[in-house]
């Protein structure tokens, strides 16, 4: 009987599939989606997303649909229990974080406070 370890953050199917499509367009299979938290934005912290080829010491990696999500340890503490997702809607297409730790968020959806 195998026991599944709870992931510190979820990586939605929609986000993983979009990352896979973008990596395919770039023709670089070494790319990974890095999500991070920085100071700033209208609520104190903001989320950032970038593509990165490296995984640094201490980074958390989550694999889904043959792609990898990478989070540095400093950012992970703000993201535990959340979900990295991708949406397409009237406002456009974007990656986002559904974060239960955020006490307030702003209208842009990329800024929050704890």
Protein backbone atom coordinates (compact mmCIF):
# COMPACT_ATOMS: atom_id res chain seq x y z
CA UNK A 1 0.00 0.00 0.00
CA UNK A 2 1.51 3.32 -1.07
CA UNK A 3 0.89 6.50 0.83
CA UNK A 4 0.67 9.67 -1.22
CA UNK A 5 2.55 12.59 0.27
CA UNK A 6 0.51 15.76 0.31
CA UNK A 7 2.05 18.35 -1.97
CA UNK A 8 2.86 21.71 -0.38
CA UNK A 9 1.17 23.44 -3.32
CA UNK A 10 -1.09 22.14 -6.08
CA UNK A 11 -0.21 22.44 -9.78
CA UNK A 12 -3.46 22.42 -11.78
CA UNK A 13 -3.89 20.41 -14.96
CA UNK A 14 -4.67 23.64 -16.85
CA UNK A 15 -1.40 25.24 -15.70
CA UNK A 16 0.66 22.12 -16.44
CA UNK A 17 -0.81 21.78 -19.94
CA UNK A 18 -0.15 25.45 -20.72
CA UNK A 19 3.45 25.15 -19.49
CA UNK A 20 3.88 22.05 -21.67
CA UNK A 21 2.56 23.96 -24.71
CA UNK A 22 4.83 26.96 -24.05
CA UNK A 23 7.89 24.75 -23.58
CA UNK A 24 7.06 22.99 -26.84
CA UNK A 25 6.88 26.38 -28.62
CA UNK A 26 10.28 27.34 -27.17
CA UNK A 27 11.71 23.95 -28.22
CA UNK A 28 13.65 23.73 -24.94
CA UNK A 29 12.65 20.67 -22.88
CA UNK A 30 14.86 21.85 -19.97
CA UNK A 31 12.54 24.76 -19.14
CA UNK A 32 10.54 24.69 -15.90
CA UNK A 33 7.92 27.12 -14.59
CA UNK A 34 9.26 28.98 -11.56
CA UNK A 35 6.74 30.68 -9.29
CA UNK A 36 8.03 33.15 -6.73
CA UNK A 37 6.90 35.81 -4.28
CA UNK A 38 8.50 39.26 -4.13
CA UNK A 39 7.86 42.36 -2.08
CA UNK A 40 5.80 45.04 -3.78
CA UNK A 41 2.49 45.28 -5.54
CA UNK A 42 -0.49 47.10 -4.11
CA UNK A 43 -0.94 44.69 -1.18
CA UNK A 44 2.63 44.10 0.02
CA UNK A 45 3.65 40.94 -1.87
CA UNK A 46 3.23 39.90 -5.46
CA UNK A 47 3.48 36.65 -7.39
CA UNK A 48 5.87 36.22 -10.26
CA UNK A 49 6.24 33.55 -12.92
CA UNK A 50 9.23 32.88 -15.12
CA UNK A 51 10.77 30.05 -17.08
CA UNK A 52 14.02 28.68 -15.70
CA UNK A 53 16.34 25.87 -16.74
CA UNK A 54 17.91 25.45 -13.29
CA UNK A 55 16.75 23.94 -10.04
CA UNK A 56 18.68 25.45 -7.13
CA UNK A 57 19.56 23.81 -3.82
CA UNK A 58 16.53 23.89 -1.54
CA UNK A 59 14.00 24.42 -4.36
CA UNK A 60 10.79 22.41 -4.24
CA UNK A 61 9.81 20.75 -7.51
CA UNK A 62 6.40 19.41 -8.46
CA UNK A 63 5.99 17.40 -11.65
CA UNK A 64 2.77 17.03 -13.59
CA UNK A 65 2.05 16.09 -17.21
CA UNK A 66 5.80 15.86 -17.93
CA UNK A 67 6.52 19.45 -16.81
CA UNK A 68 8.04 20.80 -13.60
CA UNK A 69 6.98 23.60 -11.28
CA UNK A 70 9.84 25.06 -9.22
CA UNK A 71 9.50 27.12 -6.02
CA UNK A 72 12.32 28.56 -3.92
CA UNK A 73 12.14 27.98 -0.13
CA UNK A 74 11.51 31.65 0.74
CA UNK A 75 8.51 31.85 -1.61
CA UNK A 76 7.16 28.43 -0.65
CA UNK A 77 6.38 29.54 2.91
CA UNK A 78 3.84 32.02 1.48
CA UNK A 79 2.36 29.52 -0.98
CA UNK A 80 1.82 26.36 1.11
CA UNK A 81 -1.71 25.05 0.64
CA UNK A 82 -2.29 27.11 -2.50
CA UNK A 83 -2.64 26.20 -6.14
CA UNK A 84 -0.87 27.40 -9.27
CA UNK A 85 -3.50 27.65 -11.99
CA UNK A 86 -3.96 29.01 -15.50
CA UNK A 87 -7.10 30.73 -16.70
CA UNK A 88 -8.36 32.08 -19.99
CA UNK A 89 -11.18 34.58 -19.82
CA UNK A 90 -12.44 37.97 -20.86
CA UNK A 91 -9.59 39.64 -18.95
CA UNK A 92 -7.05 37.61 -20.91
CA UNK A 93 -4.96 34.55 -20.19
CA UNK A 94 -2.64 34.25 -17.20
CA UNK A 95 -1.06 32.05 -14.60
CA UNK A 96 -2.32 32.75 -11.08
CA UNK A 97 -2.03 31.51 -7.53
CA UNK A 98 -5.10 30.60 -5.48
CA UNK A 99 -3.65 31.25 -2.03
CA UNK A 100 -5.59 30.47 1.17
CA UNK A 101 -2.84 32.21 3.20
CA UNK A 102 -3.54 35.62 1.68
CA UNK A 103 -5.65 37.73 4.02
CA UNK A 104 -6.22 40.38 1.35
CA UNK A 105 -5.74 40.45 -2.38
CA UNK A 106 -6.11 43.24 -4.88
CA UNK A 107 -8.06 43.51 -8.11
CA UNK A 108 -5.09 42.61 -10.29
CA UNK A 109 -4.95 39.15 -8.70
CA UNK A 110 -1.15 39.13 -8.53
CA UNK A 111 -0.73 41.04 -5.27
CA UNK A 112 -1.59 39.95 -1.72
CA UNK A 113 -0.85 40.39 1.97
CA UNK A 114 -0.66 37.91 4.84
